[in-house]
Amino acid sequence: MSGRTATARFRISKVSVPKAREHVRQVLRAWKLGHVSDDAVLLASELATNVVAHAAQGIGEYFELALRRRDGVLVLEVSDSYQWEMPELRKPGPEETSGRGLLLVDALSQAWGVRPRTGAGKTVWVHLAVRG
C-alpha cells in the first residue's frame, strides 16, 4: 500500500518520547510494516528526544510526528518550533555523554535531512527502505 499517512502531536516533554515510540509501533503494525518497526521506533525515539532536549526553547508546546509510506519508502518526520539551531551530524568525543543520536539516524536511514518550516521551526525527516 502506498500513499498512507499518520500524524500525531505530542507535548514537548520527556513523557512524550515513549508515547511517540508506541505511536510508531502501532501505526507500523497496522500498516503491516513490522519488519521495519525496530529501526523506525529507534529513529523516532532519537528525534523526539532531540526535540525534548533542544526545542523546549522554541515558541510552541508541541512537536509533530508524521509517518508516510510511499514508493517503497517509509518517511518519518518530526517537526518542532525551534529553528535557531538546526541539527548537524557530529562526532562526539569519547568522554561526551550525549550527541550520538544523529549518528544512529545516519547509520539506520537511507537518507535524512532537515528543512525549515513555514513560520517558525524545522522538520527533521528520515527515509527507511520498505521491503516485503
N, C-alpha and C. Protein backbone atom coordinates (compact mmCIF):
# COMPACT_ATOMS: atom_id res chain seq x y z
N MET A 1 0.84 -1.18 0.00
CA MET A 1 0.00 0.00 0.00
C MET A 1 0.88 1.23 0.00
N SER A 2 0.65 2.10 -0.92
CA SER A 2 1.43 3.32 -1.00
C SER A 2 0.54 4.50 -0.67
N GLY A 3 1.16 5.57 -0.22
CA GLY A 3 0.43 6.80 0.00
C GLY A 3 -0.24 6.93 1.35
N ARG A 4 0.03 6.06 2.29
CA ARG A 4 -0.56 6.18 3.62
C ARG A 4 0.15 7.24 4.44
N THR A 5 -0.61 7.90 5.33
CA THR A 5 -0.05 8.93 6.22
C THR A 5 -0.68 8.81 7.59
N ALA A 6 0.13 8.98 8.62
CA ALA A 6 -0.36 9.04 10.00
C ALA A 6 0.42 10.14 10.71
N THR A 7 -0.28 11.03 11.37
CA THR A 7 0.35 12.16 12.06
C THR A 7 -0.18 12.24 13.48
N ALA A 8 0.71 12.56 14.41
CA ALA A 8 0.30 12.73 15.81
C ALA A 8 1.09 13.89 16.41
N ARG A 9 0.46 14.56 17.37
CA ARG A 9 1.11 15.66 18.10
C ARG A 9 1.38 15.21 19.52
N PHE A 10 2.52 15.66 20.03
CA PHE A 10 2.93 15.33 21.39
C PHE A 10 3.43 16.59 22.08
N ARG A 11 3.13 16.69 23.37
CA ARG A 11 3.66 17.80 24.15
C ARG A 11 5.18 17.65 24.27
N ILE A 12 5.89 18.77 24.23
CA ILE A 12 7.34 18.73 24.38
C ILE A 12 7.64 18.45 25.85
N SER A 13 7.84 17.15 26.12
CA SER A 13 8.04 16.66 27.48
C SER A 13 8.69 15.29 27.42
N LYS A 14 9.46 14.95 28.44
CA LYS A 14 10.11 13.64 28.47
C LYS A 14 9.11 12.50 28.38
N VAL A 15 7.93 12.66 28.96
CA VAL A 15 6.94 11.58 28.93
C VAL A 15 6.40 11.33 27.52
N SER A 16 6.63 12.25 26.60
CA SER A 16 6.15 12.08 25.24
C SER A 16 7.03 11.16 24.40
N VAL A 17 8.27 10.97 24.79
CA VAL A 17 9.17 10.14 23.99
C VAL A 17 8.67 8.69 23.92
N PRO A 18 8.34 8.03 25.05
CA PRO A 18 7.79 6.67 24.92
C PRO A 18 6.44 6.65 24.22
N LYS A 19 5.66 7.71 24.35
CA LYS A 19 4.37 7.77 23.63
C LYS A 19 4.60 7.83 22.12
N ALA A 20 5.61 8.59 21.70
CA ALA A 20 5.93 8.67 20.28
C ALA A 20 6.41 7.31 19.76
N ARG A 21 7.23 6.62 20.55
CA ARG A 21 7.69 5.28 20.15
C ARG A 21 6.50 4.34 19.97
N GLU A 22 5.58 4.35 20.92
CA GLU A 22 4.42 3.47 20.84
C GLU A 22 3.53 3.82 19.65
N HIS A 23 3.39 5.10 19.36
CA HIS A 23 2.61 5.53 18.18
C HIS A 23 3.20 4.92 16.91
N VAL A 24 4.51 5.03 16.76
CA VAL A 24 5.17 4.48 15.57
C VAL A 24 4.96 2.97 15.51
N ARG A 25 5.13 2.29 16.63
CA ARG A 25 4.96 0.84 16.67
C ARG A 25 3.54 0.44 16.24
N GLN A 26 2.54 1.14 16.77
CA GLN A 26 1.15 0.81 16.45
C GLN A 26 0.82 1.08 14.98
N VAL A 27 1.27 2.21 14.45
CA VAL A 27 0.99 2.54 13.05
C VAL A 27 1.64 1.51 12.13
N LEU A 28 2.88 1.17 12.39
CA LEU A 28 3.56 0.23 11.52
C LEU A 28 2.97 -1.18 11.62
N ARG A 29 2.49 -1.54 12.79
CA ARG A 29 1.79 -2.82 12.92
C ARG A 29 0.52 -2.81 12.07
N ALA A 30 -0.24 -1.73 12.14
CA ALA A 30 -1.47 -1.62 11.36
C ALA A 30 -1.18 -1.62 9.85
N TRP A 31 -0.06 -1.04 9.46
CA TRP A 31 0.32 -0.99 8.05
C TRP A 31 1.05 -2.25 7.60
N LYS A 32 1.17 -3.23 8.48
CA LYS A 32 1.87 -4.49 8.17
C LYS A 32 3.34 -4.24 7.80
N LEU A 33 3.96 -3.32 8.55
CA LEU A 33 5.38 -2.99 8.34
C LEU A 33 6.20 -3.29 9.59
N GLY A 34 5.82 -4.35 10.28
CA GLY A 34 6.53 -4.72 11.50
C GLY A 34 8.01 -4.97 11.27
N HIS A 35 8.39 -5.37 10.07
CA HIS A 35 9.80 -5.67 9.78
C HIS A 35 10.70 -4.43 9.82
N VAL A 36 10.14 -3.23 9.74
CA VAL A 36 10.96 -2.01 9.87
C VAL A 36 10.67 -1.29 11.18
N SER A 37 9.85 -1.90 12.01
CA SER A 37 9.41 -1.25 13.24
C SER A 37 10.55 -0.94 14.20
N ASP A 38 11.46 -1.87 14.42
CA ASP A 38 12.54 -1.63 15.39
C ASP A 38 13.37 -0.41 15.00
N ASP A 39 13.77 -0.34 13.73
CA ASP A 39 14.57 0.81 13.28
C ASP A 39 13.75 2.10 13.35
N ALA A 40 12.51 2.05 12.89
CA ALA A 40 11.67 3.25 12.89
C ALA A 40 11.41 3.75 14.31
N VAL A 41 11.18 2.84 15.24
CA VAL A 41 10.94 3.22 16.63
C VAL A 41 12.19 3.87 17.22
N LEU A 42 13.36 3.30 16.94
CA LEU A 42 14.60 3.88 17.43
C LEU A 42 14.83 5.27 16.84
N LEU A 43 14.57 5.43 15.56
CA LEU A 43 14.73 6.74 14.92
C LEU A 43 13.76 7.76 15.50
N ALA A 44 12.52 7.38 15.67
CA ALA A 44 11.53 8.29 16.27
C ALA A 44 11.94 8.67 17.68
N SER A 45 12.46 7.72 18.43
CA SER A 45 12.90 7.98 19.79
C SER A 45 14.04 8.99 19.82
N GLU A 46 15.02 8.83 18.95
CA GLU A 46 16.15 9.76 18.89
C GLU A 46 15.68 11.16 18.51
N LEU A 47 14.82 11.26 17.51
CA LEU A 47 14.37 12.58 17.07
C LEU A 47 13.45 13.24 18.10
N ALA A 48 12.59 12.47 18.74
CA ALA A 48 11.74 13.02 19.79
C ALA A 48 12.58 13.47 20.99
N THR A 49 13.59 12.70 21.32
CA THR A 49 14.48 13.08 22.42
C THR A 49 15.20 14.38 22.10
N ASN A 50 15.63 14.55 20.85
CA ASN A 50 16.26 15.81 20.45
C ASN A 50 15.31 16.99 20.61
N VAL A 51 14.05 16.78 20.26
CA VAL A 51 13.07 17.86 20.45
C VAL A 51 12.97 18.23 21.92
N VAL A 52 12.82 17.23 22.76
CA VAL A 52 12.68 17.50 24.20
C VAL A 52 13.93 18.20 24.74
N ALA A 53 15.10 17.78 24.27
CA ALA A 53 16.35 18.37 24.77
C ALA A 53 16.60 19.78 24.25
N HIS A 54 16.17 20.07 23.02
CA HIS A 54 16.56 21.33 22.39
C HIS A 54 15.40 22.27 22.06
N ALA A 55 14.25 21.74 21.69
CA ALA A 55 13.17 22.60 21.19
C ALA A 55 12.33 23.21 22.29
N ALA A 56 12.59 22.86 23.53
CA ALA A 56 11.83 23.48 24.62
C ALA A 56 12.03 25.00 24.62
N GLN A 57 13.07 25.47 23.93
CA GLN A 57 13.33 26.90 23.84
C GLN A 57 12.55 27.55 22.70
N GLY A 58 11.80 26.76 21.94
CA GLY A 58 11.02 27.29 20.82
C GLY A 58 9.76 27.99 21.31
N ILE A 59 8.90 28.32 20.35
CA ILE A 59 7.70 29.07 20.70
C ILE A 59 6.47 28.18 20.88
N GLY A 60 6.58 26.90 20.60
CA GLY A 60 5.43 26.01 20.71
C GLY A 60 5.55 25.05 21.88
N GLU A 61 4.43 24.42 22.20
CA GLU A 61 4.40 23.44 23.28
C GLU A 61 4.37 22.02 22.77
N TYR A 62 4.26 21.84 21.45
CA TYR A 62 4.08 20.51 20.88
C TYR A 62 5.09 20.25 19.77
N PHE A 63 5.32 18.96 19.52
CA PHE A 63 6.01 18.55 18.31
C PHE A 63 5.10 17.59 17.58
N GLU A 64 5.34 17.46 16.30
CA GLU A 64 4.51 16.61 15.45
C GLU A 64 5.37 15.50 14.87
N LEU A 65 4.82 14.30 14.86
CA LEU A 65 5.48 13.15 14.28
C LEU A 65 4.60 12.63 13.15
N ALA A 66 5.15 12.57 11.95
CA ALA A 66 4.38 12.10 10.80
C ALA A 66 5.07 10.89 10.20
N LEU A 67 4.27 9.92 9.79
CA LEU A 67 4.73 8.74 9.08
C LEU A 67 4.02 8.70 7.73
N ARG A 68 4.79 8.47 6.68
CA ARG A 68 4.21 8.34 5.35
C ARG A 68 4.85 7.13 4.67
N ARG A 69 4.02 6.42 3.94
CA ARG A 69 4.55 5.31 3.14
C ARG A 69 4.30 5.66 1.69
N ARG A 70 5.39 5.70 0.94
CA ARG A 70 5.25 5.98 -0.49
C ARG A 70 6.40 5.36 -1.27
N ASP A 71 6.05 4.72 -2.36
CA ASP A 71 7.04 4.18 -3.30
C ASP A 71 8.16 3.39 -2.64
N GLY A 72 7.82 2.48 -1.75
CA GLY A 72 8.81 1.62 -1.13
C GLY A 72 9.66 2.28 -0.06
N VAL A 73 9.23 3.45 0.42
CA VAL A 73 9.97 4.19 1.43
C VAL A 73 9.03 4.58 2.56
N LEU A 74 9.50 4.40 3.77
CA LEU A 74 8.81 4.93 4.94
C LEU A 74 9.47 6.26 5.26
N VAL A 75 8.69 7.32 5.27
CA VAL A 75 9.19 8.65 5.62
C VAL A 75 8.72 8.96 7.03
N LEU A 76 9.66 9.25 7.90
CA LEU A 76 9.37 9.63 9.28
C LEU A 76 9.81 11.08 9.43
N GLU A 77 8.90 11.94 9.91
CA GLU A 77 9.22 13.36 10.08
C GLU A 77 8.87 13.81 11.48
N VAL A 78 9.76 14.56 12.09
CA VAL A 78 9.50 15.17 13.39
C VAL A 78 9.68 16.67 13.23
N SER A 79 8.62 17.42 13.56
CA SER A 79 8.61 18.87 13.38
C SER A 79 8.44 19.56 14.72
N ASP A 80 9.14 20.68 14.90
CA ASP A 80 9.01 21.47 16.11
C ASP A 80 9.12 22.95 15.76
N SER A 81 9.01 23.80 16.77
CA SER A 81 9.02 25.25 16.54
C SER A 81 10.38 25.89 16.78
N TYR A 82 11.41 25.11 17.05
CA TYR A 82 12.73 25.65 17.37
C TYR A 82 13.57 25.68 16.10
N GLN A 83 13.84 26.87 15.58
CA GLN A 83 14.54 26.96 14.31
C GLN A 83 15.95 27.53 14.43
N TRP A 84 16.35 27.97 15.58
CA TRP A 84 17.62 28.67 15.69
C TRP A 84 18.81 27.73 15.67
N GLU A 85 18.60 26.47 15.92
CA GLU A 85 19.69 25.51 15.90
C GLU A 85 19.26 24.31 15.08
N MET A 86 19.78 24.20 13.87
CA MET A 86 19.46 23.07 13.02
C MET A 86 20.37 21.90 13.40
N PRO A 87 19.82 20.70 13.45
CA PRO A 87 20.64 19.52 13.81
C PRO A 87 21.76 19.31 12.80
N GLU A 88 22.91 18.94 13.31
CA GLU A 88 24.06 18.63 12.47
C GLU A 88 24.69 17.33 12.94
N LEU A 89 25.12 16.54 11.99
CA LEU A 89 25.83 15.31 12.31
C LEU A 89 27.22 15.70 12.82
N ARG A 90 27.58 15.17 13.97
CA ARG A 90 28.90 15.46 14.51
C ARG A 90 29.44 14.20 15.18
N LYS A 91 30.71 14.20 15.43
CA LYS A 91 31.34 13.06 16.09
C LYS A 91 31.74 13.49 17.50
N PRO A 92 30.98 13.06 18.51
CA PRO A 92 31.32 13.45 19.87
C PRO A 92 32.59 12.77 20.35
N GLY A 93 33.26 13.40 21.27
CA GLY A 93 34.46 12.82 21.85
C GLY A 93 34.13 11.65 22.75
N PRO A 94 35.11 10.82 23.06
CA PRO A 94 34.87 9.61 23.85
C PRO A 94 34.37 9.90 25.26
N GLU A 95 34.63 11.07 25.79
CA GLU A 95 34.19 11.42 27.14
C GLU A 95 32.80 12.06 27.17
N GLU A 96 32.28 12.45 26.01
CA GLU A 96 30.96 13.08 25.96
C GLU A 96 29.87 12.05 26.22
N THR A 97 28.86 12.43 26.98
CA THR A 97 27.79 11.50 27.34
C THR A 97 26.57 11.62 26.43
N SER A 98 26.58 12.54 25.49
CA SER A 98 25.46 12.68 24.56
C SER A 98 26.00 13.08 23.19
N GLY A 99 25.09 13.25 22.23
CA GLY A 99 25.50 13.70 20.91
C GLY A 99 25.65 12.60 19.87
N ARG A 100 25.14 11.40 20.18
CA ARG A 100 25.29 10.29 19.25
C ARG A 100 24.00 9.94 18.50
N GLY A 101 22.93 10.63 18.80
CA GLY A 101 21.64 10.31 18.20
C GLY A 101 21.63 10.42 16.69
N LEU A 102 22.18 11.50 16.15
CA LEU A 102 22.18 11.64 14.70
C LEU A 102 23.14 10.67 14.01
N LEU A 103 24.13 10.18 14.74
CA LEU A 103 24.96 9.11 14.18
C LEU A 103 24.13 7.85 13.95
N LEU A 104 23.24 7.56 14.90
CA LEU A 104 22.31 6.43 14.73
C LEU A 104 21.35 6.67 13.57
N VAL A 105 20.81 7.88 13.51
CA VAL A 105 19.89 8.24 12.42
C VAL A 105 20.60 8.04 11.08
N ASP A 106 21.82 8.53 10.98
CA ASP A 106 22.58 8.42 9.74
C ASP A 106 22.87 6.96 9.39
N ALA A 107 23.19 6.15 10.38
CA ALA A 107 23.54 4.75 10.13
C ALA A 107 22.32 3.91 9.74
N LEU A 108 21.17 4.19 10.30
CA LEU A 108 19.99 3.35 10.08
C LEU A 108 19.15 3.77 8.87
N SER A 109 19.28 5.00 8.43
CA SER A 109 18.39 5.51 7.39
C SER A 109 19.01 5.43 6.00
N GLN A 110 18.14 5.42 5.01
CA GLN A 110 18.57 5.54 3.62
C GLN A 110 19.07 6.95 3.37
N ALA A 111 18.35 7.90 3.92
CA ALA A 111 18.68 9.32 3.80
C ALA A 111 17.99 10.05 4.94
N TRP A 112 18.51 11.22 5.30
CA TRP A 112 17.87 12.05 6.30
C TRP A 112 18.30 13.50 6.05
N GLY A 113 17.53 14.41 6.61
CA GLY A 113 17.87 15.82 6.46
C GLY A 113 16.98 16.67 7.33
N VAL A 114 17.13 17.96 7.18
CA VAL A 114 16.35 18.92 7.95
C VAL A 114 15.95 20.06 7.02
N ARG A 115 14.75 20.57 7.21
CA ARG A 115 14.30 21.71 6.42
C ARG A 115 13.54 22.67 7.33
N PRO A 116 13.64 23.96 7.07
CA PRO A 116 12.88 24.93 7.85
C PRO A 116 11.39 24.80 7.54
N ARG A 117 10.56 25.11 8.52
CA ARG A 117 9.12 25.12 8.32
C ARG A 117 8.68 26.54 7.99
N THR A 118 7.54 26.65 7.35
CA THR A 118 6.97 27.96 7.11
C THR A 118 6.61 28.55 8.47
N GLY A 119 6.97 29.77 8.69
CA GLY A 119 6.75 30.37 10.01
C GLY A 119 7.95 30.08 10.88
N ALA A 120 7.74 29.36 11.94
CA ALA A 120 8.83 29.05 12.88
C ALA A 120 9.06 27.55 12.93
N GLY A 121 10.31 27.17 13.04
CA GLY A 121 10.61 25.77 13.30
C GLY A 121 11.29 25.05 12.16
N LYS A 122 11.39 23.73 12.35
CA LYS A 122 12.08 22.87 11.40
C LYS A 122 11.42 21.50 11.40
N THR A 123 11.72 20.75 10.37
CA THR A 123 11.30 19.36 10.26
C THR A 123 12.54 18.53 9.97
N VAL A 124 12.77 17.51 10.79
CA VAL A 124 13.82 16.53 10.52
C VAL A 124 13.12 15.32 9.90
N TRP A 125 13.61 14.90 8.74
CA TRP A 125 12.99 13.79 8.02
C TRP A 125 14.00 12.65 7.85
N VAL A 126 13.44 11.45 7.81
CA VAL A 126 14.24 10.23 7.66
C VAL A 126 13.54 9.32 6.66
N HIS A 127 14.30 8.69 5.79
CA HIS A 127 13.77 7.70 4.87
C HIS A 127 14.30 6.33 5.24
N LEU A 128 13.39 5.37 5.34
CA LEU A 128 13.73 3.97 5.57
C LEU A 128 13.20 3.15 4.39
N ALA A 129 14.02 2.26 3.89
CA ALA A 129 13.56 1.38 2.81
C ALA A 129 12.52 0.41 3.36
N VAL A 130 11.47 0.20 2.60
CA VAL A 130 10.41 -0.74 2.98
C VAL A 130 10.47 -1.90 1.97
N ARG A 131 10.84 -3.06 2.47
CA ARG A 131 10.90 -4.24 1.62
C ARG A 131 9.90 -5.25 2.15
N GLY A 132 9.32 -5.99 1.25
CA GLY A 132 8.39 -7.04 1.67
C GLY A 132 6.99 -6.56 1.83
